[in-house]
Amino acid sequence: MKTLLPFLLAILLLAPAACGRHADERAPFPSPTPSLMPTGPGAPLLPEEAASAATPTNGAMRFELPTAMEPLSAWRPPLYPAPWAPSPYDHFYFERPIAADEVNWPLPNYRYGGVFFSSGQVHTGVDISAEYGTPVLAAGPGTVVSAGWGLFENNPNSPYGRAVVLRHDFGYQDQPIYTVYAHLSEIDVIPGQWLATGEVLGNVGDTGHTTGPHLHFEVRIGSDQFFSTYNPELWLVPPQGWGVLAGRVMDTNRNLLASFQVFVIARDGGQTWEVRTYGAEAVNSDPYYRENMVISDLPAGIYTIRILYYGTKKEADIEILPGRVTYFSFQGYLGFDPSLPPTPDPFESLSPVP
């Protein structure tokens, strides 16, 4: 019996890791929260781009695209302390609304600005997969301004289901900041209650328009309105030693490309992520980065960005810096540019950026 004890203890220690389900591998993604606004038409093609897309020549589309896959491990380093602002234009103000010992990063197929529904509706937040009943935490200190069915309207048929809205104690560019927590199974707070960062406000559920339990999380700036959302991946503190990639993807004539496919490939190991640019409506770009795609939680290192642009493969290498936003722009047949955006006018107020 004594000789079996070490073996049995090893099994017990490994069991939690073996049972830790990664949402991307073993379970279907829950449906994201639908928005109320359909997308418009995509950016128009230039004549040469339309011709290239319709009539590929010389086998231009015969190369193989990578197979996108998500990390095999659910492990993440501890987060940087919030607020975290390594540059004047970064604003990682919020802790994760799901605890660090749970899967707490955005589902890759349900990012901000994604288009998922036959009606063309756009996703105005990020979805975080979690087991039913997982505690949901305040991402920052603030006061509860809404707690119930939907957002303010107390509507049992709201796509948000049971939801909580916080107005935070701090702002950005002299404007208030709100966070939204939706699809809750239970709500543990009331309007007017003040919460510290990390306090429980409810539990993960599947209320509202969703096919499975998860948390829908939004960041709203200026007003608590549907059209005031910004990408939460630029506001949530990243894991230590990891960074964020933001890009502005355009056609050759500098029109933003909507729902356009981008591959991000790690040089070390070949891990590949697929990202799509924002849909055409109902989303806002950061006033500095003016991005239309973001992917967070990337280990620091060298990556290749690959875009299939109307039959032409375009690639560029870029370095993800720890704890920071790495930026690039893409302009159709002109390719990639790693230059940072110009310094914004200090008197320019926060507003939706085309």
Foldseek 3Di string as FASTA:
>chain_A
DVVCVVVVVVCVVCVVQVPQDDCQPDHDDKDAQFDDDAFDDWDDDDPVLVVLLVDPPPCLPVDDDDDADDDPGLDFAAFDDAPDDPDPQFAQHWAFQADNVHNGDFDQQFFFQHFDDPRRTGHQFTKTDDAWFGFTWDGAKFFWADFAQDGPPNDQQAQQGTKIKTWHPDADLPKIKIKMKGQFPFADDDGGDIDHTGDTGGTWHHGHPIDGTIITMWMAIRDPDQLRTAGCLSHHTEHFQWAKEFEQEEEQVRHGGAQFWKWKFAPVPGNIHIWGFHGRDRYFYRPFQRTRTMDTHGHWDKIKMWGCRSSHIAIDIDTGGGRYYQYWYAYHPVGIDRDGGDDDDPPDGDDGDD
